[in-house]
Structure formats: C-alpha cells, structure tokens
C-alpha cells in the first residue's frame, strides 16, 4: 500500500501521543528519510527474490476510485469476491491524516 509518507508520520505521531507513549526521537524530515530508505530496501529485496510476488496499491486511489485497484487486487489474489463486496469494506471516513491538513 503506497501512501504519502508525511500523512503516515503525522498519523503515527498522533497515535503515539494519544497512547501516551514516546516515539522515535527524530524530527519529521529524518523520520521520513528513514521510512523512504527502509521502503527502498524492502522493494529492492523483494525484487531480487523469485519467491515473492508484489502488488502496489495507491492508498488515495483506493479511497477515491477503488474499482481499478480492487480489480488488480482480485486478479493478484485469484479471488472471485465481487468488487462491490470488497468496495463496501473501504471506509473513507478513516482517512483523517491528509497531507497538508491538521486533523
């Protein structure tokens, strides 16, 4: 699932604060760089292994226009669940950490 790193970091920061826990002692830019580096390493690792198949789904597209990503997901998994059933599981109201917005 590909999602804007700034949104992920903001969401995690709020969750950690809400739970009263201490997070990583890194500023936003350093944390984003760490996430980007880890993702690049993971993608590179998976691409070198024939035993892994990977599908990339864009988070924002899944929320805004789910038909195409859900069809690709159905094909990837080899499932016959109707797209409408899969689509009904998407709850866009949970998308609270949007880039450039405080929530």
N, C-alpha and C. Protein backbone atom coordinates (compact mmCIF):
# COMPACT_ATOMS: atom_id res chain seq x y z
N UNK A 1 0.86 -1.16 0.00
CA UNK A 1 0.00 0.00 0.00
C UNK A 1 0.91 1.22 0.00
N UNK A 2 0.82 2.00 -1.03
CA UNK A 2 1.61 3.22 -1.13
C UNK A 2 0.79 4.39 -0.60
N UNK A 3 1.37 5.09 0.35
CA UNK A 3 0.70 6.25 0.94
C UNK A 3 1.73 7.35 1.18
N UNK A 4 1.27 8.57 1.14
CA UNK A 4 2.12 9.73 1.37
C UNK A 4 2.82 9.59 2.73
N UNK A 5 4.16 9.65 2.73
CA UNK A 5 4.92 9.48 3.97
C UNK A 5 4.58 10.53 5.01
N UNK A 6 4.35 11.77 4.59
CA UNK A 6 4.01 12.82 5.55
C UNK A 6 2.73 12.48 6.30
N UNK A 7 1.75 11.92 5.58
CA UNK A 7 0.49 11.52 6.21
C UNK A 7 0.71 10.38 7.20
N UNK A 8 1.54 9.43 6.83
CA UNK A 8 1.81 8.30 7.72
C UNK A 8 2.50 8.77 9.00
N UNK A 9 3.48 9.62 8.85
CA UNK A 9 4.22 10.13 10.01
C UNK A 9 3.30 10.93 10.92
N UNK A 10 2.49 11.81 10.34
CA UNK A 10 1.55 12.60 11.15
C UNK A 10 0.57 11.70 11.89
N UNK A 11 0.05 10.69 11.20
CA UNK A 11 -0.89 9.76 11.81
C UNK A 11 -0.25 9.00 12.96
N UNK A 12 0.96 8.50 12.74
CA UNK A 12 1.64 7.76 13.79
C UNK A 12 1.96 8.65 14.99
N UNK A 13 2.35 9.88 14.72
CA UNK A 13 2.66 10.80 15.81
C UNK A 13 1.44 11.03 16.69
N UNK A 14 0.29 11.25 16.07
CA UNK A 14 -0.93 11.46 16.85
C UNK A 14 -1.32 10.21 17.63
N UNK A 15 -1.15 9.04 17.02
CA UNK A 15 -1.48 7.80 17.71
C UNK A 15 -0.58 7.61 18.94
N UNK A 16 0.70 7.86 18.78
CA UNK A 16 1.65 7.71 19.88
C UNK A 16 1.31 8.69 21.00
N UNK A 17 1.00 9.93 20.64
CA UNK A 17 0.63 10.93 21.65
C UNK A 17 -0.65 10.52 22.37
N UNK A 18 -1.62 10.03 21.62
CA UNK A 18 -2.90 9.62 22.20
C UNK A 18 -2.71 8.48 23.20
N UNK A 19 -1.77 7.60 22.91
CA UNK A 19 -1.50 6.45 23.77
C UNK A 19 -0.51 6.78 24.88
N UNK A 20 0.00 8.01 24.90
CA UNK A 20 0.91 8.44 25.95
C UNK A 20 2.27 7.75 25.89
N UNK A 21 2.67 7.34 24.71
CA UNK A 21 3.96 6.66 24.55
C UNK A 21 5.00 7.62 23.99
N UNK A 22 6.25 7.22 24.09
CA UNK A 22 7.33 8.01 23.49
C UNK A 22 7.63 7.42 22.11
N UNK A 23 7.74 8.28 21.13
CA UNK A 23 8.06 7.84 19.78
C UNK A 23 9.55 7.99 19.51
N UNK A 24 9.92 7.77 18.28
CA UNK A 24 11.31 7.92 17.87
C UNK A 24 11.74 9.37 18.09
N UNK A 25 12.94 9.53 18.54
CA UNK A 25 13.47 10.87 18.80
C UNK A 25 14.09 11.44 17.53
N UNK A 26 13.27 11.51 16.46
CA UNK A 26 13.72 12.03 15.18
C UNK A 26 12.75 13.12 14.73
N UNK A 27 13.28 14.15 14.08
CA UNK A 27 12.38 15.15 13.53
C UNK A 27 11.68 14.57 12.31
N UNK A 28 10.68 15.27 11.83
CA UNK A 28 9.84 14.78 10.73
C UNK A 28 10.67 14.42 9.50
N UNK A 29 11.59 15.29 9.12
CA UNK A 29 12.39 15.06 7.91
C UNK A 29 13.27 13.82 8.06
N UNK A 30 13.88 13.65 9.22
CA UNK A 30 14.74 12.48 9.45
C UNK A 30 13.91 11.19 9.46
N UNK A 31 12.74 11.24 10.06
CA UNK A 31 11.87 10.07 10.09
C UNK A 31 11.39 9.71 8.69
N UNK A 32 11.04 10.73 7.91
CA UNK A 32 10.61 10.49 6.53
C UNK A 32 11.74 9.85 5.72
N UNK A 33 12.94 10.36 5.87
CA UNK A 33 14.10 9.80 5.17
C UNK A 33 14.33 8.34 5.57
N UNK A 34 14.18 8.05 6.85
CA UNK A 34 14.32 6.67 7.33
C UNK A 34 13.28 5.76 6.71
N UNK A 35 12.02 6.20 6.71
CA UNK A 35 10.95 5.41 6.09
C UNK A 35 11.23 5.18 4.60
N UNK A 36 11.64 6.22 3.91
CA UNK A 36 11.90 6.10 2.47
C UNK A 36 13.04 5.12 2.21
N UNK A 37 14.07 5.18 3.02
CA UNK A 37 15.21 4.28 2.87
C UNK A 37 14.79 2.83 3.16
N UNK A 38 13.99 2.63 4.21
CA UNK A 38 13.52 1.28 4.54
C UNK A 38 12.63 0.72 3.43
N UNK A 39 11.75 1.55 2.88
CA UNK A 39 10.89 1.10 1.80
C UNK A 39 11.72 0.71 0.57
N UNK A 40 12.69 1.54 0.22
CA UNK A 40 13.53 1.25 -0.94
C UNK A 40 14.28 -0.07 -0.74
N UNK A 41 14.78 -0.31 0.47
CA UNK A 41 15.47 -1.57 0.76
C UNK A 41 14.52 -2.75 0.65
N UNK A 42 13.32 -2.59 1.14
CA UNK A 42 12.33 -3.68 1.08
C UNK A 42 11.96 -4.00 -0.36
N UNK A 43 11.71 -2.97 -1.16
CA UNK A 43 11.34 -3.15 -2.56
C UNK A 43 12.49 -3.83 -3.31
N UNK A 44 13.71 -3.39 -3.05
CA UNK A 44 14.87 -3.96 -3.71
C UNK A 44 15.03 -5.43 -3.30
N UNK A 45 14.86 -5.74 -2.02
CA UNK A 45 14.97 -7.11 -1.54
C UNK A 45 13.93 -8.01 -2.21
N UNK A 46 12.69 -7.55 -2.23
CA UNK A 46 11.62 -8.36 -2.83
C UNK A 46 11.83 -8.57 -4.32
N UNK A 47 12.37 -7.56 -5.00
CA UNK A 47 12.59 -7.68 -6.45
C UNK A 47 13.66 -8.71 -6.80
N UNK A 48 14.55 -9.01 -5.85
CA UNK A 48 15.61 -9.98 -6.09
C UNK A 48 15.20 -11.41 -5.74
N UNK A 49 14.02 -11.59 -5.22
CA UNK A 49 13.57 -12.91 -4.78
C UNK A 49 12.41 -13.39 -5.66
N UNK A 50 12.63 -14.50 -6.35
CA UNK A 50 11.60 -15.06 -7.21
C UNK A 50 10.41 -15.61 -6.41
N UNK A 51 10.61 -15.86 -5.13
CA UNK A 51 9.56 -16.47 -4.32
C UNK A 51 8.52 -15.46 -3.85
N UNK A 52 8.71 -14.19 -4.17
CA UNK A 52 7.76 -13.15 -3.77
C UNK A 52 7.10 -12.54 -4.98
N UNK A 53 5.81 -12.35 -4.88
CA UNK A 53 5.07 -11.56 -5.86
C UNK A 53 4.51 -10.36 -5.11
N UNK A 54 4.58 -9.21 -5.72
CA UNK A 54 4.19 -7.98 -5.05
C UNK A 54 3.21 -7.21 -5.93
N UNK A 55 2.23 -6.63 -5.28
CA UNK A 55 1.31 -5.71 -5.97
C UNK A 55 1.38 -4.39 -5.21
N UNK A 56 1.40 -3.31 -5.93
CA UNK A 56 1.40 -1.99 -5.31
C UNK A 56 0.03 -1.35 -5.53
N UNK A 57 -0.55 -0.88 -4.44
CA UNK A 57 -1.86 -0.23 -4.47
C UNK A 57 -1.68 1.17 -3.91
N UNK A 58 -2.17 2.16 -4.62
CA UNK A 58 -2.11 3.54 -4.15
C UNK A 58 -3.28 3.80 -3.20
N UNK A 59 -2.96 4.19 -1.98
CA UNK A 59 -3.95 4.41 -0.93
C UNK A 59 -5.01 5.43 -1.35
N UNK A 60 -4.57 6.55 -1.89
CA UNK A 60 -5.52 7.61 -2.27
C UNK A 60 -6.43 7.17 -3.40
N UNK A 61 -5.88 6.45 -4.37
CA UNK A 61 -6.72 5.95 -5.46
C UNK A 61 -7.73 4.93 -4.95
N UNK A 62 -7.29 4.09 -4.02
CA UNK A 62 -8.20 3.10 -3.46
C UNK A 62 -9.39 3.77 -2.80
N UNK A 63 -9.15 4.89 -2.14
CA UNK A 63 -10.25 5.61 -1.49
C UNK A 63 -11.11 6.38 -2.47
N UNK A 64 -10.48 7.02 -3.46
CA UNK A 64 -11.23 7.91 -4.35
C UNK A 64 -11.88 7.20 -5.53
N UNK A 65 -11.24 6.17 -6.05
CA UNK A 65 -11.76 5.45 -7.22
C UNK A 65 -11.29 4.00 -7.13
N UNK A 66 -11.95 3.20 -6.30
CA UNK A 66 -11.44 1.88 -5.95
C UNK A 66 -11.58 0.79 -7.01
N UNK A 67 -12.36 1.02 -8.05
CA UNK A 67 -12.64 -0.08 -8.99
C UNK A 67 -11.38 -0.70 -9.60
N UNK A 68 -10.49 0.12 -10.15
CA UNK A 68 -9.29 -0.42 -10.81
C UNK A 68 -8.34 -1.09 -9.82
N UNK A 69 -8.00 -0.45 -8.69
CA UNK A 69 -7.10 -1.15 -7.77
C UNK A 69 -7.71 -2.42 -7.19
N UNK A 70 -9.02 -2.43 -6.97
CA UNK A 70 -9.65 -3.65 -6.45
C UNK A 70 -9.65 -4.76 -7.50
N UNK A 71 -9.83 -4.40 -8.75
CA UNK A 71 -9.77 -5.40 -9.81
C UNK A 71 -8.37 -6.01 -9.89
N UNK A 72 -7.35 -5.16 -9.81
CA UNK A 72 -5.97 -5.67 -9.83
C UNK A 72 -5.71 -6.56 -8.61
N UNK A 73 -6.25 -6.18 -7.45
CA UNK A 73 -6.08 -6.97 -6.24
C UNK A 73 -6.77 -8.33 -6.38
N UNK A 74 -7.98 -8.33 -6.93
CA UNK A 74 -8.71 -9.59 -7.14
C UNK A 74 -7.91 -10.52 -8.06
N UNK A 75 -7.37 -9.97 -9.13
CA UNK A 75 -6.57 -10.77 -10.07
C UNK A 75 -5.30 -11.28 -9.40
N UNK A 76 -4.63 -10.42 -8.65
CA UNK A 76 -3.39 -10.79 -7.97
C UNK A 76 -3.62 -11.94 -6.99
N UNK A 77 -4.71 -11.85 -6.22
CA UNK A 77 -5.01 -12.87 -5.21
C UNK A 77 -5.74 -14.08 -5.77
N UNK A 78 -6.27 -13.93 -6.99
CA UNK A 78 -7.02 -15.02 -7.59
C UNK A 78 -8.33 -15.29 -6.88
N UNK A 79 -8.98 -14.22 -6.45
CA UNK A 79 -10.24 -14.37 -5.71
C UNK A 79 -11.42 -13.96 -6.59
N UNK A 80 -12.58 -14.48 -6.26
CA UNK A 80 -13.78 -14.20 -7.05
C UNK A 80 -14.79 -13.36 -6.28
N UNK A 81 -14.40 -12.84 -5.14
CA UNK A 81 -15.30 -11.97 -4.38
C UNK A 81 -15.65 -10.78 -5.26
N UNK A 82 -16.94 -10.47 -5.40
CA UNK A 82 -17.32 -9.33 -6.24
C UNK A 82 -16.67 -8.02 -5.75
N UNK A 83 -16.26 -7.20 -6.70
CA UNK A 83 -15.63 -5.92 -6.36
C UNK A 83 -16.51 -5.08 -5.44
N UNK A 84 -17.83 -5.17 -5.65
CA UNK A 84 -18.75 -4.39 -4.81
C UNK A 84 -18.63 -4.78 -3.35
N UNK A 85 -18.43 -6.07 -3.08
CA UNK A 85 -18.25 -6.52 -1.70
C UNK A 85 -16.96 -5.98 -1.12
N UNK A 86 -15.91 -6.04 -1.90
CA UNK A 86 -14.63 -5.50 -1.45
C UNK A 86 -14.74 -4.00 -1.22
N UNK A 87 -15.39 -3.33 -2.14
CA UNK A 87 -15.53 -1.88 -2.05
C UNK A 87 -16.29 -1.47 -0.79
N UNK A 88 -17.25 -2.30 -0.37
CA UNK A 88 -18.04 -1.96 0.82
C UNK A 88 -17.20 -1.97 2.09
N UNK A 89 -16.02 -2.61 2.04
CA UNK A 89 -15.15 -2.65 3.21
C UNK A 89 -14.29 -1.40 3.35
N UNK A 90 -14.27 -0.55 2.34
CA UNK A 90 -13.46 0.67 2.38
C UNK A 90 -14.23 1.75 3.13
N UNK A 91 -13.62 2.27 4.17
CA UNK A 91 -14.25 3.30 4.98
C UNK A 91 -13.41 4.58 4.87
N UNK A 92 -13.78 5.44 3.93
CA UNK A 92 -13.01 6.67 3.69
C UNK A 92 -13.03 7.61 4.89
N UNK A 93 -13.97 7.43 5.81
CA UNK A 93 -14.00 8.30 6.99
C UNK A 93 -12.79 8.07 7.89
N UNK A 94 -12.11 6.94 7.71
CA UNK A 94 -10.91 6.66 8.50
C UNK A 94 -9.69 7.40 7.96
N UNK A 95 -9.83 8.03 6.80
CA UNK A 95 -8.73 8.79 6.20
C UNK A 95 -8.71 10.16 6.83
N UNK A 96 -8.03 10.26 7.97
CA UNK A 96 -8.02 11.52 8.73
C UNK A 96 -6.74 12.29 8.58
N UNK A 97 -5.65 11.64 8.25
CA UNK A 97 -4.34 12.31 8.16
C UNK A 97 -4.01 12.60 6.73
N UNK A 98 -4.55 13.71 6.24
CA UNK A 98 -4.33 14.10 4.86
C UNK A 98 -3.17 15.09 4.79
N UNK A 99 -2.37 14.93 3.76
CA UNK A 99 -1.21 15.78 3.59
C UNK A 99 -1.61 17.24 3.56
N UNK A 100 -0.91 18.03 4.38
CA UNK A 100 -1.17 19.47 4.41
C UNK A 100 -2.36 19.86 5.26
N UNK A 101 -2.97 18.92 5.96
CA UNK A 101 -4.12 19.23 6.80
C UNK A 101 -3.86 18.73 8.21
N UNK A 102 -4.26 19.51 9.16
CA UNK A 102 -4.24 19.04 10.55
C UNK A 102 -5.60 18.43 10.83
N UNK A 103 -5.59 17.33 11.55
CA UNK A 103 -6.88 16.73 11.91
C UNK A 103 -6.88 16.24 13.33
